[in-house]
N, C-alpha and C. Protein backbone atom coordinates (compact mmCIF):
# COMPACT_ATOMS: atom_id res chain seq x y z
N MET A 1 82.24 50.77 72.87
CA MET A 1 81.73 50.65 74.11
C MET A 1 80.48 51.54 74.25
N SER A 2 79.53 50.78 74.75
CA SER A 2 78.13 51.56 74.83
C SER A 2 77.78 52.00 76.32
N ALA A 3 77.02 52.86 76.42
CA ALA A 3 76.66 53.44 77.75
C ALA A 3 75.76 52.39 78.60
N PRO A 4 75.83 52.13 79.88
CA PRO A 4 75.02 51.22 80.47
C PRO A 4 73.36 51.71 80.39
N LEU A 5 72.64 50.70 80.29
CA LEU A 5 71.07 50.95 80.27
C LEU A 5 70.78 51.32 81.84
N ILE A 6 69.84 52.50 81.72
CA ILE A 6 69.40 52.84 83.00
C ILE A 6 67.86 52.44 83.05
N LEU A 7 67.35 51.80 83.96
CA LEU A 7 65.99 51.49 84.15
C LEU A 7 65.38 52.34 85.21
N ALA A 8 64.28 52.88 84.97
CA ALA A 8 63.49 53.50 86.14
C ALA A 8 61.93 53.24 85.87
N ASP A 9 61.43 52.78 86.75
CA ASP A 9 59.91 52.69 86.63
C ASP A 9 59.14 54.08 86.49
N GLY A 10 58.35 54.06 85.45
CA GLY A 10 57.51 55.22 85.26
C GLY A 10 58.23 56.48 84.49
N LEU A 11 59.56 56.40 84.19
CA LEU A 11 60.32 57.59 83.50
C LEU A 11 60.69 56.99 82.09
N ASP A 12 60.59 58.24 81.23
CA ASP A 12 60.89 57.70 79.92
C ASP A 12 62.39 58.24 79.76
N ALA A 13 63.02 58.14 78.67
CA ALA A 13 64.37 58.45 78.62
C ALA A 13 64.78 59.95 78.66
N ASP A 14 63.80 60.80 78.20
CA ASP A 14 63.99 62.29 78.41
C ASP A 14 63.88 62.65 79.83
N ALA A 15 63.03 62.00 80.65
CA ALA A 15 63.07 62.37 82.19
C ALA A 15 64.33 61.93 82.75
N ILE A 16 64.74 60.71 82.55
CA ILE A 16 66.01 60.14 83.14
C ILE A 16 67.29 61.13 82.78
N ALA A 17 67.23 61.53 81.51
CA ALA A 17 68.19 62.45 81.10
C ALA A 17 68.26 63.70 81.73
N ALA A 18 67.12 64.27 82.03
CA ALA A 18 66.95 65.49 82.80
C ALA A 18 67.28 65.35 84.21
N ILE A 19 67.04 64.20 84.83
CA ILE A 19 67.45 64.02 86.28
C ILE A 19 68.99 63.87 86.17
N LEU A 20 69.49 63.11 85.54
CA LEU A 20 70.93 62.88 85.49
C LEU A 20 71.75 64.29 85.07
N ALA A 21 71.20 65.19 84.23
CA ALA A 21 71.75 66.46 83.90
C ALA A 21 71.68 67.39 85.27
N ALA A 22 70.62 67.28 85.89
CA ALA A 22 70.50 68.07 87.18
C ALA A 22 71.45 67.52 88.27
N ARG A 23 71.69 66.25 88.33
CA ARG A 23 72.58 65.74 89.31
C ARG A 23 74.08 66.18 88.97
N GLN A 24 74.26 66.05 87.63
CA GLN A 24 75.69 66.52 87.27
C GLN A 24 75.94 67.95 87.55
N ARG A 25 74.94 68.94 87.24
CA ARG A 25 75.17 70.26 87.45
C ARG A 25 75.48 70.56 88.98
N ALA A 26 74.63 69.78 89.90
CA ALA A 26 74.73 69.88 91.28
C ALA A 26 76.07 69.39 91.76
N VAL A 27 76.56 68.40 91.29
CA VAL A 27 77.85 67.78 91.74
C VAL A 27 78.98 68.71 91.18
N GLY A 28 78.78 69.26 89.92
CA GLY A 28 79.69 69.95 89.28
C GLY A 28 79.91 71.33 90.13
N SER A 29 78.92 72.00 90.43
CA SER A 29 78.84 73.26 91.08
C SER A 29 79.46 73.08 92.40
N THR A 30 79.21 71.97 93.24
CA THR A 30 79.69 71.71 94.47
C THR A 30 81.26 71.63 94.34
N ARG A 31 81.70 70.89 93.32
CA ARG A 31 83.11 70.46 93.23
C ARG A 31 83.87 71.96 92.83
N SER A 32 83.37 72.77 91.92
CA SER A 32 83.88 74.05 91.71
C SER A 32 84.12 74.98 92.72
N LEU A 33 83.10 74.94 93.64
CA LEU A 33 83.09 75.70 95.03
C LEU A 33 84.28 75.20 95.74
N ASP A 34 84.46 73.85 95.93
CA ASP A 34 85.36 73.21 96.74
C ASP A 34 86.85 73.49 96.35
N ASP A 35 86.95 73.55 94.85
CA ASP A 35 88.27 73.64 94.35
C ASP A 35 88.71 75.20 94.21
N ARG A 36 88.08 76.02 94.76
CA ARG A 36 88.54 77.38 94.84
C ARG A 36 89.71 77.59 95.66
N PRO A 37 90.55 78.40 95.22
CA PRO A 37 91.80 78.70 96.06
C PRO A 37 91.16 79.31 97.35
N THR A 38 91.74 79.07 98.55
CA THR A 38 91.45 79.65 99.89
C THR A 38 92.77 80.18 100.48
N GLU A 39 92.46 81.06 101.35
CA GLU A 39 93.63 81.56 102.45
C GLU A 39 92.85 81.61 103.71
N THR A 40 93.75 81.46 104.76
CA THR A 40 93.35 81.43 106.13
C THR A 40 93.76 82.81 106.59
N LEU A 41 92.78 83.53 107.30
CA LEU A 41 92.98 84.65 107.94
C LEU A 41 92.93 84.62 109.44
N LEU A 42 93.88 85.39 110.16
CA LEU A 42 93.51 85.65 111.57
C LEU A 42 92.58 86.63 111.84
N VAL A 43 91.43 86.38 112.47
CA VAL A 43 90.44 87.37 112.60
C VAL A 43 90.60 88.01 114.07
N PHE A 44 90.53 89.40 113.99
CA PHE A 44 90.64 90.13 115.17
C PHE A 44 89.63 91.24 115.07
N ASP A 45 89.48 92.06 116.26
CA ASP A 45 88.39 92.89 116.48
C ASP A 45 89.10 94.28 116.65
N LEU A 46 88.44 95.37 116.05
CA LEU A 46 88.78 96.75 116.16
C LEU A 46 87.46 97.61 116.27
N GLY A 47 87.23 97.99 117.57
CA GLY A 47 85.97 98.76 117.64
C GLY A 47 84.76 98.12 117.34
N GLY A 48 84.69 96.87 117.57
CA GLY A 48 83.38 96.08 117.19
C GLY A 48 83.41 95.63 115.81
N VAL A 49 84.29 95.75 114.86
CA VAL A 49 84.36 95.45 113.60
C VAL A 49 85.46 94.32 113.26
N ALA A 50 84.95 93.13 112.62
CA ALA A 50 85.95 91.99 112.34
C ALA A 50 86.85 92.35 111.26
N HIS A 51 88.13 92.05 111.39
CA HIS A 51 89.09 92.29 110.41
C HIS A 51 89.89 91.07 110.29
N GLY A 52 90.61 90.76 109.17
CA GLY A 52 91.41 89.50 109.06
C GLY A 52 92.71 89.96 108.38
N LEU A 53 93.69 89.22 108.91
CA LEU A 53 95.15 89.20 108.31
C LEU A 53 95.54 87.95 107.85
N PRO A 54 96.03 87.83 106.64
CA PRO A 54 96.61 86.41 106.23
C PRO A 54 97.53 85.87 107.26
N ILE A 55 97.29 84.66 107.72
CA ILE A 55 97.89 83.95 108.81
C ILE A 55 99.38 83.85 108.50
N ASP A 56 99.75 83.71 107.25
CA ASP A 56 101.20 83.39 106.88
C ASP A 56 102.14 84.66 107.14
N CYS A 57 101.46 85.79 107.43
CA CYS A 57 102.20 87.07 107.68
C CYS A 57 102.22 87.14 109.22
N VAL A 58 101.68 86.26 109.94
CA VAL A 58 101.54 86.52 111.47
C VAL A 58 102.64 85.58 112.11
N ARG A 59 103.53 86.14 112.90
CA ARG A 59 104.51 85.30 113.78
C ARG A 59 103.93 84.91 115.07
N ALA A 60 103.18 85.72 115.83
CA ALA A 60 102.51 85.37 117.10
C ALA A 60 101.36 86.25 117.47
N VAL A 61 100.59 85.83 118.34
CA VAL A 61 99.67 86.74 119.00
C VAL A 61 99.90 86.56 120.51
N ALA A 62 99.81 87.67 121.26
CA ALA A 62 100.16 87.75 122.66
C ALA A 62 99.25 88.86 123.31
N PRO A 63 99.17 88.72 124.63
CA PRO A 63 98.50 89.79 125.37
C PRO A 63 99.44 91.09 125.20
N LEU A 64 98.76 92.11 125.44
CA LEU A 64 99.37 93.51 125.19
C LEU A 64 100.35 93.78 126.36
N PRO A 65 101.66 93.77 126.25
CA PRO A 65 102.44 94.17 127.50
C PRO A 65 102.57 95.55 127.72
N LYS A 66 103.34 95.82 128.56
CA LYS A 66 103.65 97.40 129.03
C LYS A 66 104.16 98.16 127.88
N VAL A 67 103.74 99.15 127.41
CA VAL A 67 104.14 100.03 126.27
C VAL A 67 105.08 101.09 126.75
N THR A 68 106.32 101.28 126.18
CA THR A 68 107.13 102.35 126.50
C THR A 68 106.92 103.42 125.37
N ARG A 69 106.35 104.58 125.79
CA ARG A 69 106.02 105.64 124.83
C ARG A 69 107.22 106.34 124.30
N LEU A 70 107.13 106.83 122.98
CA LEU A 70 108.26 107.62 122.46
C LEU A 70 108.04 109.03 122.22
N PRO A 71 108.95 109.88 122.45
CA PRO A 71 108.72 111.40 122.12
C PRO A 71 108.51 111.54 120.62
N HIS A 72 107.44 112.11 120.32
CA HIS A 72 107.23 112.62 118.84
C HIS A 72 107.39 111.46 117.86
N PRO A 73 106.51 110.35 118.14
CA PRO A 73 106.57 109.37 117.19
C PRO A 73 105.61 109.53 115.88
N PRO A 74 105.74 108.80 114.90
CA PRO A 74 104.84 108.88 113.85
C PRO A 74 103.47 108.61 114.28
N ALA A 75 102.42 108.97 113.64
CA ALA A 75 101.03 109.02 114.08
C ALA A 75 100.59 107.66 114.43
N ALA A 76 100.89 106.55 113.76
CA ALA A 76 100.39 105.24 114.16
C ALA A 76 101.15 104.53 115.17
N LEU A 77 102.39 104.93 115.37
CA LEU A 77 103.30 104.13 116.36
C LEU A 77 102.99 104.49 117.77
N THR A 78 102.59 103.53 118.50
CA THR A 78 102.13 103.80 119.74
C THR A 78 103.32 103.70 120.77
N GLY A 79 104.33 103.04 120.47
CA GLY A 79 105.64 103.00 121.24
C GLY A 79 106.30 101.71 121.05
N LEU A 80 107.11 101.21 122.08
CA LEU A 80 107.92 99.95 121.96
C LEU A 80 107.44 98.97 123.13
N VAL A 81 107.50 97.83 122.77
CA VAL A 81 107.15 96.85 123.74
C VAL A 81 108.29 95.67 123.81
N ALA A 82 108.40 95.03 124.87
CA ALA A 82 109.44 93.91 124.92
C ALA A 82 108.80 92.71 124.65
N TRP A 83 109.12 91.84 123.88
CA TRP A 83 108.60 90.57 123.56
C TRP A 83 109.65 89.54 123.12
N ARG A 84 109.64 88.41 124.13
CA ARG A 84 110.56 87.31 123.89
C ARG A 84 112.05 87.88 123.69
N GLY A 85 112.37 88.79 124.46
CA GLY A 85 113.69 89.35 124.58
C GLY A 85 114.09 90.32 123.63
N THR A 86 113.17 90.64 122.77
CA THR A 86 113.42 91.69 121.68
C THR A 86 112.54 92.99 121.75
N VAL A 87 113.02 93.96 121.18
CA VAL A 87 112.31 95.30 121.18
C VAL A 87 111.44 95.30 119.84
N VAL A 88 110.03 95.40 120.03
CA VAL A 88 109.22 95.58 118.84
C VAL A 88 108.40 96.79 118.81
N ASN A 89 108.24 97.35 117.64
CA ASN A 89 107.43 98.47 117.39
C ASN A 89 105.95 98.19 117.50
N LEU A 90 105.35 98.80 118.30
CA LEU A 90 103.81 98.59 118.40
C LEU A 90 102.98 99.74 117.61
N PHE A 91 102.24 99.37 116.74
CA PHE A 91 101.43 100.20 115.92
C PHE A 91 100.08 100.07 116.32
N ALA A 92 99.35 101.17 116.41
CA ALA A 92 97.81 101.34 116.40
C ALA A 92 97.18 101.17 115.21
N LEU A 93 96.76 99.80 114.87
CA LEU A 93 96.16 99.67 113.64
C LEU A 93 94.78 100.40 113.40
N ALA A 94 94.20 100.56 114.44
CA ALA A 94 92.84 101.31 114.42
C ALA A 94 92.98 102.67 113.92
N GLU A 95 94.23 103.41 114.29
CA GLU A 95 94.50 104.78 113.91
C GLU A 95 94.94 104.80 112.35
N LEU A 96 95.64 103.79 112.00
CA LEU A 96 95.98 103.66 110.63
C LEU A 96 94.81 103.61 109.62
N LEU A 97 93.74 102.63 110.09
CA LEU A 97 92.57 102.37 109.49
C LEU A 97 91.48 103.41 109.55
N ASP A 98 91.68 104.39 110.45
CA ASP A 98 90.62 105.39 110.84
C ASP A 98 89.57 104.73 111.43
N ARG A 99 89.87 104.00 112.47
CA ARG A 99 88.71 103.36 113.08
C ARG A 99 88.70 103.63 114.69
N ASP A 100 87.44 103.57 115.34
CA ASP A 100 87.63 103.70 116.64
C ASP A 100 87.93 102.33 117.33
N ALA A 101 88.68 102.36 118.45
CA ALA A 101 89.18 101.10 118.97
C ALA A 101 88.64 101.19 120.52
N ALA A 102 88.12 100.18 121.02
CA ALA A 102 87.56 99.95 122.25
C ALA A 102 88.67 99.97 123.26
N GLY A 103 89.80 99.64 122.92
CA GLY A 103 90.91 99.55 123.93
C GLY A 103 91.73 98.32 123.66
N ALA A 104 93.00 98.48 123.15
CA ALA A 104 93.69 97.35 122.88
C ALA A 104 94.09 96.38 124.00
N THR A 105 93.93 94.98 123.89
CA THR A 105 94.10 94.05 124.82
C THR A 105 95.13 93.08 124.29
N ALA A 106 95.37 93.02 123.03
CA ALA A 106 96.28 92.20 122.48
C ALA A 106 97.06 92.71 121.24
N MET A 107 98.27 91.94 120.97
CA MET A 107 99.13 92.39 119.87
C MET A 107 99.29 91.29 118.96
N ILE A 108 99.36 91.56 117.58
CA ILE A 108 99.54 90.61 116.60
C ILE A 108 101.04 90.88 116.14
N VAL A 109 101.99 89.94 116.38
CA VAL A 109 103.41 90.20 115.97
C VAL A 109 103.54 89.58 114.53
N LEU A 110 104.05 90.53 113.55
CA LEU A 110 104.17 90.32 112.11
C LEU A 110 105.49 89.49 111.77
N ARG A 111 105.53 88.80 110.82
CA ARG A 111 106.70 88.18 110.29
C ARG A 111 107.51 89.30 109.49
N HIS A 112 107.94 90.17 110.33
CA HIS A 112 108.98 91.18 109.62
C HIS A 112 110.04 91.35 110.61
N ASP A 113 111.31 91.03 110.17
CA ASP A 113 112.39 90.91 111.31
C ASP A 113 113.08 92.31 111.55
N ALA A 114 113.30 93.13 110.47
CA ALA A 114 114.05 94.32 110.98
C ALA A 114 113.28 95.52 110.27
N PRO A 115 112.70 96.40 111.08
CA PRO A 115 112.35 96.22 112.54
C PRO A 115 111.15 95.25 112.75
N ARG A 116 111.14 94.79 114.02
CA ARG A 116 110.03 93.94 114.42
C ARG A 116 108.74 94.85 114.67
N ILE A 117 107.56 94.24 114.04
CA ILE A 117 106.40 95.07 114.16
C ILE A 117 105.40 94.27 114.76
N ALA A 118 104.53 94.92 115.73
CA ALA A 118 103.38 94.34 116.24
C ALA A 118 102.24 95.32 116.08
N LEU A 119 101.03 94.96 115.95
CA LEU A 119 99.79 95.67 115.83
C LEU A 119 98.95 95.47 117.05
N ALA A 120 98.63 96.69 117.50
CA ALA A 120 97.58 96.51 118.61
C ALA A 120 96.32 96.40 118.26
N VAL A 121 95.51 95.53 118.89
CA VAL A 121 94.05 95.09 118.47
C VAL A 121 93.37 95.03 119.79
N ASP A 122 92.01 95.26 119.53
CA ASP A 122 90.95 95.21 120.56
C ASP A 122 90.91 93.64 121.26
N ALA A 123 90.87 92.67 120.35
CA ALA A 123 90.70 91.18 120.63
C ALA A 123 91.02 90.41 119.44
N VAL A 124 91.67 89.30 119.72
CA VAL A 124 91.66 88.20 118.62
C VAL A 124 90.53 87.12 118.77
N SER A 125 89.85 87.01 117.55
CA SER A 125 88.71 86.08 117.59
C SER A 125 89.14 84.61 117.20
N GLY A 126 90.13 84.45 116.34
CA GLY A 126 90.47 83.04 115.98
C GLY A 126 90.86 83.14 114.48
N VAL A 127 90.66 82.09 113.78
CA VAL A 127 91.08 81.85 112.33
C VAL A 127 89.80 81.49 111.60
N THR A 128 89.93 81.97 110.24
CA THR A 128 88.87 81.55 109.35
C THR A 128 89.52 81.26 108.08
N THR A 129 88.87 80.37 107.21
CA THR A 129 89.29 80.22 105.86
C THR A 129 88.33 80.72 104.92
N ILE A 130 88.83 81.55 103.94
CA ILE A 130 87.76 82.20 103.10
C ILE A 130 88.17 81.92 101.53
N ALA A 131 87.35 82.19 100.70
CA ALA A 131 87.87 82.01 99.19
C ALA A 131 88.98 83.28 99.01
N ARG A 132 90.10 82.81 98.27
CA ARG A 132 91.21 83.87 97.93
C ARG A 132 90.40 84.86 97.13
N GLN A 133 90.84 86.14 97.65
CA GLN A 133 90.30 87.39 96.88
C GLN A 133 91.32 87.70 95.79
N PRO A 134 90.73 88.44 94.70
CA PRO A 134 91.68 88.97 93.80
C PRO A 134 92.49 90.17 94.35
N ALA A 135 93.66 90.26 93.91
CA ALA A 135 94.66 91.30 94.45
C ALA A 135 93.95 92.72 94.33
N ALA A 136 93.87 93.33 95.47
CA ALA A 136 93.36 94.81 95.53
C ALA A 136 94.34 95.70 95.67
N SER A 137 94.24 96.89 95.44
CA SER A 137 95.06 97.90 95.41
C SER A 137 94.78 98.96 96.73
N ALA A 138 94.23 98.25 97.69
CA ALA A 138 93.81 98.98 98.79
C ALA A 138 94.20 98.27 100.01
N LEU A 139 94.38 99.13 101.33
CA LEU A 139 94.90 98.55 102.38
C LEU A 139 93.83 97.53 102.94
N ALA A 140 92.56 97.98 103.05
CA ALA A 140 91.52 97.12 103.59
C ALA A 140 90.49 96.87 102.52
N THR A 141 89.98 95.72 102.50
CA THR A 141 88.97 95.31 101.45
C THR A 141 87.94 94.50 102.10
N LEU A 142 86.54 94.86 101.99
CA LEU A 142 85.44 94.11 102.68
C LEU A 142 85.38 92.75 101.84
N VAL A 143 85.28 91.67 102.69
CA VAL A 143 85.22 90.26 102.22
C VAL A 143 84.01 89.70 102.77
N VAL A 144 83.06 89.35 101.77
CA VAL A 144 81.85 88.64 102.20
C VAL A 144 82.01 87.24 101.63
N ASP A 145 82.04 86.32 102.52
CA ASP A 145 82.14 84.85 102.06
C ASP A 145 81.15 84.01 102.94
N GLY A 146 80.02 83.57 102.22
CA GLY A 146 78.89 82.99 102.75
C GLY A 146 78.35 83.87 103.79
N ASP A 147 78.30 83.60 105.22
CA ASP A 147 77.72 84.35 106.22
C ASP A 147 78.85 85.20 107.03
N GLN A 148 79.95 85.08 106.60
CA GLN A 148 81.12 85.76 107.18
C GLN A 148 81.23 87.05 106.29
N ARG A 149 81.49 88.17 107.25
CA ARG A 149 81.77 89.56 106.75
C ARG A 149 82.80 90.20 107.53
N LEU A 150 83.94 90.45 107.04
CA LEU A 150 84.99 91.03 107.56
C LEU A 150 85.92 91.81 106.52
N THR A 151 86.85 92.70 107.20
CA THR A 151 87.70 93.46 106.37
C THR A 151 89.06 92.79 106.33
N ARG A 152 89.61 92.52 105.13
CA ARG A 152 90.76 91.94 104.97
C ARG A 152 91.87 92.84 104.73
N ILE A 153 92.92 92.85 105.67
CA ILE A 153 94.09 93.79 105.62
C ILE A 153 95.08 93.08 104.71
N ASP A 154 95.59 93.83 103.79
CA ASP A 154 96.68 93.52 102.82
C ASP A 154 97.89 93.82 103.54
N PRO A 155 98.76 92.64 103.84
CA PRO A 155 100.15 92.85 104.49
C PRO A 155 101.16 93.64 103.85
N VAL A 156 101.06 93.52 102.51
CA VAL A 156 102.10 94.40 101.84
C VAL A 156 101.92 95.79 101.91
N MET A 157 100.50 96.20 101.84
CA MET A 157 100.15 97.52 101.77
C MET A 157 100.40 98.18 103.17
N LEU A 158 100.07 97.11 104.31
CA LEU A 158 100.27 97.59 105.62
C LEU A 158 101.78 98.03 105.95
N ILE A 159 102.70 97.14 105.48
CA ILE A 159 104.00 97.39 105.80
C ILE A 159 104.51 98.78 104.94
N GLU A 160 103.99 98.91 103.80
CA GLU A 160 104.16 100.29 103.05
C GLU A 160 103.79 101.41 103.78
N ARG A 161 102.70 101.42 104.40
CA ARG A 161 102.05 102.45 105.25
C ARG A 161 102.90 102.71 106.60
N LEU A 162 103.21 101.60 107.18
CA LEU A 162 103.81 101.90 108.53
C LEU A 162 105.31 102.15 108.47
N LEU A 163 106.06 101.78 107.41
CA LEU A 163 107.54 101.97 107.50
C LEU A 163 108.12 102.75 106.33
N PRO A 164 109.07 103.48 106.53
CA PRO A 164 109.64 104.15 105.29
C PRO A 164 110.28 103.01 104.32
N ALA A 165 110.39 103.40 103.09
CA ALA A 165 110.82 102.32 102.09
C ALA A 165 112.12 101.62 102.56
N ARG A 166 113.09 102.19 103.12
CA ARG A 166 114.38 101.56 103.30
C ARG A 166 114.19 100.38 104.37
N LEU A 167 113.02 100.46 105.18
CA LEU A 167 112.90 99.47 106.18
C LEU A 167 112.02 98.42 105.88
N GLN A 168 111.44 98.37 104.67
CA GLN A 168 110.27 97.46 104.33
C GLN A 168 110.59 96.19 103.96
N GLU A 169 111.89 95.90 103.61
CA GLU A 169 112.35 94.48 103.28
C GLU A 169 112.45 93.50 104.27
N GLY A 170 112.64 93.90 105.63
CA GLY A 170 112.98 93.14 106.83
C GLY A 170 112.06 91.79 106.80
């Protein structure tokens, strides 16, 4: 089977081959960018800085309810909140990340059942899809994807920092 003949006014075979090769590179690079694995992040704000948490570890987002303070809590534990008939541990993510917070107005409830965990954040911005990042051994990793720039929070490391080892499996 032979290749079909391409006719073009004023172009020789080498010029046609160069145009086809450029088109193939353009289509190939577009396809490879689109085929990259992606992940969806819930985007939230802490002190004017955008952060992201993988959406599959988020149970819900809610306005910050009344917080019941505890005597002598661990540093990042703000207190307890009532949410959908359960008691949830509310942690100040800004303190854990060593960030300034403008004032928490929302909470992100994580998919962790025992104990229930929520993170106090300044505001929730929405969701975004970015290229999946290689596994990092850090709690927070800067992600630059096109014109987006945010700090991705690793949920496994977050749970490790918040809870003692015996409570991390919930």
